[in-house]
Amino acid sequence: MRRQTPAPPSRDVLEVDWPLFGELCRALAFKIAGSFDPELVLGIAKAGVIPGAVVASILQRDFASMAVTRLREGVRPTLVTAPPPSVRGRRVLIVDETCDTGETLKLALAAVRRIGPADVRTAVSIKTGPYQPDFYAMETESFIILPWDREVLIGGEFVMRPEYAAKLKELRSKAPSGSPYPR
């Protein structure tokens, strides 16, 4: 008799709403305040600017941003806008929304370190993979849908972000029967 190997579990989806996002920012700020006192919070644009600005506001610290982007999935991130010169000699906290491989945070860290901060740490709202930022509010292997980019404007109408719709379709096709994402 041939033995069947069970299918790997499908990755679930975590849709973060605004109230949960606020609580994640509060939890992140609380963790940071317990062991690091940044003088400047540096959000990675685009999505890391949102939790970065909230955390900076909660901690009552200066806020700035830098831009890192990926041209497409699977391509290494690229520095678009360098960190501001005001990081020199200051304690800096780099914030992004999520972290999986850490490629974006590593690139941002290297750029900040070239300017010469007194100290630099990293933080994310949600840790989703193997890279270990200094601080994170939540850890999950779920596919994350964030409240500020769940829907986008296309042709004058709000629609689910195409990348999210494609990922949800992929997850549904792999979902076992009885899952919350039926085919």
Protein backbone atom coordinates (compact mmCIF):
# COMPACT_ATOMS: atom_id res chain seq x y z
CA MET A 1 0.00 0.00 0.00
CA ARG A 2 1.36 3.37 -0.98
CA ARG A 3 1.58 5.88 1.83
CA GLN A 4 0.32 9.39 1.10
CA THR A 5 2.27 12.36 2.32
CA PRO A 6 0.06 15.06 3.80
CA ALA A 7 0.00 18.33 1.90
CA PRO A 8 1.86 21.16 3.61
CA PRO A 9 -0.46 23.51 5.49
CA SER A 10 -1.58 26.47 3.43
CA ARG A 11 -0.48 29.88 4.58
CA ASP A 12 -3.34 31.75 6.15
CA VAL A 13 -4.18 35.41 5.76
CA LEU A 14 -4.12 38.08 8.43
CA GLU A 15 -6.12 41.17 7.48
CA VAL A 16 -4.94 43.94 9.78
CA ASP A 17 -7.61 46.58 10.42
CA TRP A 18 -7.00 50.09 11.75
CA PRO A 19 -7.71 49.28 15.42
CA LEU A 20 -5.29 46.32 15.35
CA PHE A 21 -2.70 48.47 13.60
CA GLY A 22 -3.00 51.07 16.37
CA GLU A 23 -2.53 48.41 19.04
CA LEU A 24 0.51 47.01 17.20
CA CYS A 25 2.07 50.49 17.18
CA ARG A 26 1.36 50.93 20.89
CA ALA A 27 2.89 47.52 21.68
CA LEU A 28 5.92 48.28 19.52
CA ALA A 29 6.49 51.68 21.15
CA PHE A 30 6.18 50.09 24.60
CA LYS A 31 8.80 47.43 23.76
CA ILE A 32 11.17 50.04 22.34
CA ALA A 33 10.79 52.42 25.30
CA GLY A 34 11.81 49.61 27.65
CA SER A 35 15.32 49.28 26.25
CA PHE A 36 16.14 51.94 23.65
CA ASP A 37 15.68 55.70 23.60
CA PRO A 38 15.81 56.86 19.99
CA GLU A 39 16.30 60.51 19.21
CA LEU A 40 15.04 60.02 15.66
CA VAL A 41 12.57 57.53 14.21
CA LEU A 42 13.22 56.83 10.54
CA GLY A 43 10.33 55.27 8.60
CA ILE A 44 11.03 53.32 5.43
CA ALA A 45 8.74 54.61 2.68
CA LYS A 46 6.23 53.79 1.65
CA ALA A 47 4.52 51.49 4.13
CA GLY A 48 7.03 51.79 7.01
CA VAL A 49 6.38 55.52 7.20
CA ILE A 50 2.94 54.85 8.65
CA PRO A 51 3.97 52.81 11.73
CA GLY A 52 7.17 54.87 11.97
CA ALA A 53 5.26 58.14 12.28
CA VAL A 54 2.85 56.63 14.82
CA VAL A 55 5.68 55.18 16.94
CA ALA A 56 7.56 58.51 16.76
CA SER A 57 4.43 60.30 17.93
CA ILE A 58 3.87 57.87 20.83
CA LEU A 59 7.54 58.15 21.88
CA GLN A 60 7.48 61.94 21.29
CA ARG A 61 10.55 61.79 19.05
CA ASP A 62 11.59 63.41 15.78
CA PHE A 63 10.50 61.62 12.63
CA ALA A 64 12.07 61.39 9.17
CA SER A 65 11.84 58.99 6.26
CA MET A 66 13.89 57.30 3.59
CA ALA A 67 12.65 55.37 0.57
CA VAL A 68 13.47 51.81 -0.38
CA THR A 69 11.61 50.00 -3.13
CA ARG A 70 11.39 46.73 -5.01
CA LEU A 71 10.67 46.96 -8.70
CA ARG A 72 8.96 43.56 -8.54
CA GLU A 73 8.64 40.50 -6.30
CA GLY A 74 11.84 38.49 -5.97
CA VAL A 75 14.12 41.42 -6.87
CA ARG A 76 16.44 42.90 -4.26
CA PRO A 77 15.33 46.25 -2.80
CA THR A 78 16.89 49.47 -4.03
CA LEU A 79 17.62 52.66 -2.10
CA VAL A 80 15.54 55.45 -3.65
CA THR A 81 16.03 58.24 -1.10
CA ALA A 82 18.95 58.24 1.32
CA PRO A 83 18.46 58.79 5.03
CA PRO A 84 18.66 62.45 6.05
CA PRO A 85 21.97 63.88 7.30
CA SER A 86 20.25 64.47 10.67
CA VAL A 87 20.93 60.83 11.62
CA ARG A 88 24.62 61.69 12.18
CA GLY A 89 25.55 61.34 15.84
CA ARG A 90 22.00 60.47 16.94
CA ARG A 91 20.28 57.33 18.25
CA VAL A 92 18.16 56.18 15.31
CA LEU A 93 15.28 53.73 15.13
CA ILE A 94 14.53 52.41 11.62
CA VAL A 95 10.89 51.30 11.26
CA ASP A 96 9.21 49.23 8.55
CA GLU A 97 5.74 47.66 8.49
CA THR A 98 6.78 44.00 8.08
CA CYS A 99 9.97 42.01 7.84
CA ASP A 100 10.57 38.64 6.21
CA THR A 101 14.07 38.19 4.75
CA GLY A 102 15.36 41.46 6.18
CA GLU A 103 16.68 42.69 2.83
CA THR A 104 14.97 46.07 3.13
CA LEU A 105 16.10 46.59 6.74
CA LYS A 106 19.68 45.51 5.93
CA LEU A 107 19.82 48.01 3.07
CA ALA A 108 18.40 50.78 5.28
CA LEU A 109 20.81 49.89 8.12
CA ALA A 110 23.81 50.07 5.80
CA ALA A 111 22.70 53.45 4.43
CA VAL A 112 22.16 54.87 7.94
CA ARG A 113 25.47 53.50 9.24
CA ARG A 114 27.37 55.24 6.40
CA ILE A 115 26.20 58.58 7.83
CA GLY A 116 27.45 57.79 11.34
CA PRO A 117 24.64 57.54 13.91
CA ALA A 118 25.50 57.19 17.59
CA ASP A 119 23.43 53.98 17.63
CA VAL A 120 20.87 52.40 15.32
CA ARG A 121 18.18 49.77 15.89
CA THR A 122 15.41 48.27 13.77
CA ALA A 123 11.71 47.74 14.44
CA VAL A 124 8.73 46.34 12.53
CA SER A 125 5.06 46.03 13.30
CA ILE A 126 4.93 42.41 12.13
CA LYS A 127 7.79 39.91 11.81
CA THR A 128 6.87 37.35 9.13
CA GLY A 129 10.10 35.48 8.46
CA PRO A 130 13.56 34.49 9.61
CA TYR A 131 15.18 37.94 9.90
CA GLN A 132 15.38 39.18 13.47
CA PRO A 133 14.78 42.94 13.85
CA ASP A 134 15.65 44.46 17.23
CA PHE A 135 11.97 45.05 18.00
CA TYR A 136 8.66 43.77 16.66
CA ALA A 137 5.10 43.90 17.94
CA MET A 138 3.85 40.61 16.51
CA GLU A 139 5.21 37.51 14.82
CA THR A 140 3.26 35.42 12.30
CA GLU A 141 3.78 33.34 9.17
CA SER A 142 0.48 34.58 7.77
CA PHE A 143 0.18 36.56 4.56
CA ILE A 144 -0.44 40.13 5.75
CA ILE A 145 -2.98 42.54 4.29
CA LEU A 146 -2.51 46.03 5.71
CA PRO A 147 -5.37 48.52 6.10
CA TRP A 148 -3.77 51.37 4.19
CA ASP A 149 -3.10 49.43 1.02
CA ARG A 150 -5.82 46.79 0.91
CA GLU A 151 -7.68 48.81 -1.69
CA VAL A 152 -6.27 51.01 -4.42
CA LEU A 153 -7.84 53.34 -6.95
CA ILE A 154 -7.92 51.90 -10.47
CA GLY A 155 -9.98 53.49 -13.21
CA GLY A 156 -11.71 55.75 -10.71
CA GLU A 157 -12.88 52.87 -8.50
CA PHE A 158 -11.57 51.32 -5.32
CA VAL A 159 -10.56 47.70 -5.90
CA MET A 160 -8.54 45.19 -3.92
CA ARG A 161 -4.84 45.67 -4.62
CA PRO A 162 -4.06 43.35 -7.56
CA GLU A 163 -1.12 41.71 -5.74
CA TYR A 164 -3.38 40.90 -2.78
CA ALA A 165 -6.15 39.57 -5.03
CA ALA A 166 -3.63 37.32 -6.83
CA LYS A 167 -2.19 36.04 -3.54
CA LEU A 168 -5.65 35.33 -2.12
CA LYS A 169 -6.57 33.45 -5.32
CA GLU A 170 -3.37 31.39 -4.99
CA LEU A 171 -4.09 30.62 -1.33
CA ARG A 172 -7.68 29.62 -2.13
CA SER A 173 -6.50 27.20 -4.81
CA LYS A 174 -4.22 25.46 -2.27
CA ALA A 175 -6.68 25.55 0.63
CA PRO A 176 -8.00 22.24 1.95
CA SER A 177 -11.76 21.81 2.01
CA GLY A 178 -13.35 23.34 5.06
CA SER A 179 -10.77 26.15 5.28
CA PRO A 180 -11.84 29.78 5.72
CA TYR A 181 -10.72 30.46 2.12
CA PRO A 182 -12.74 27.89 0.11
CA ARG A 183 -12.28 27.54 -3.61
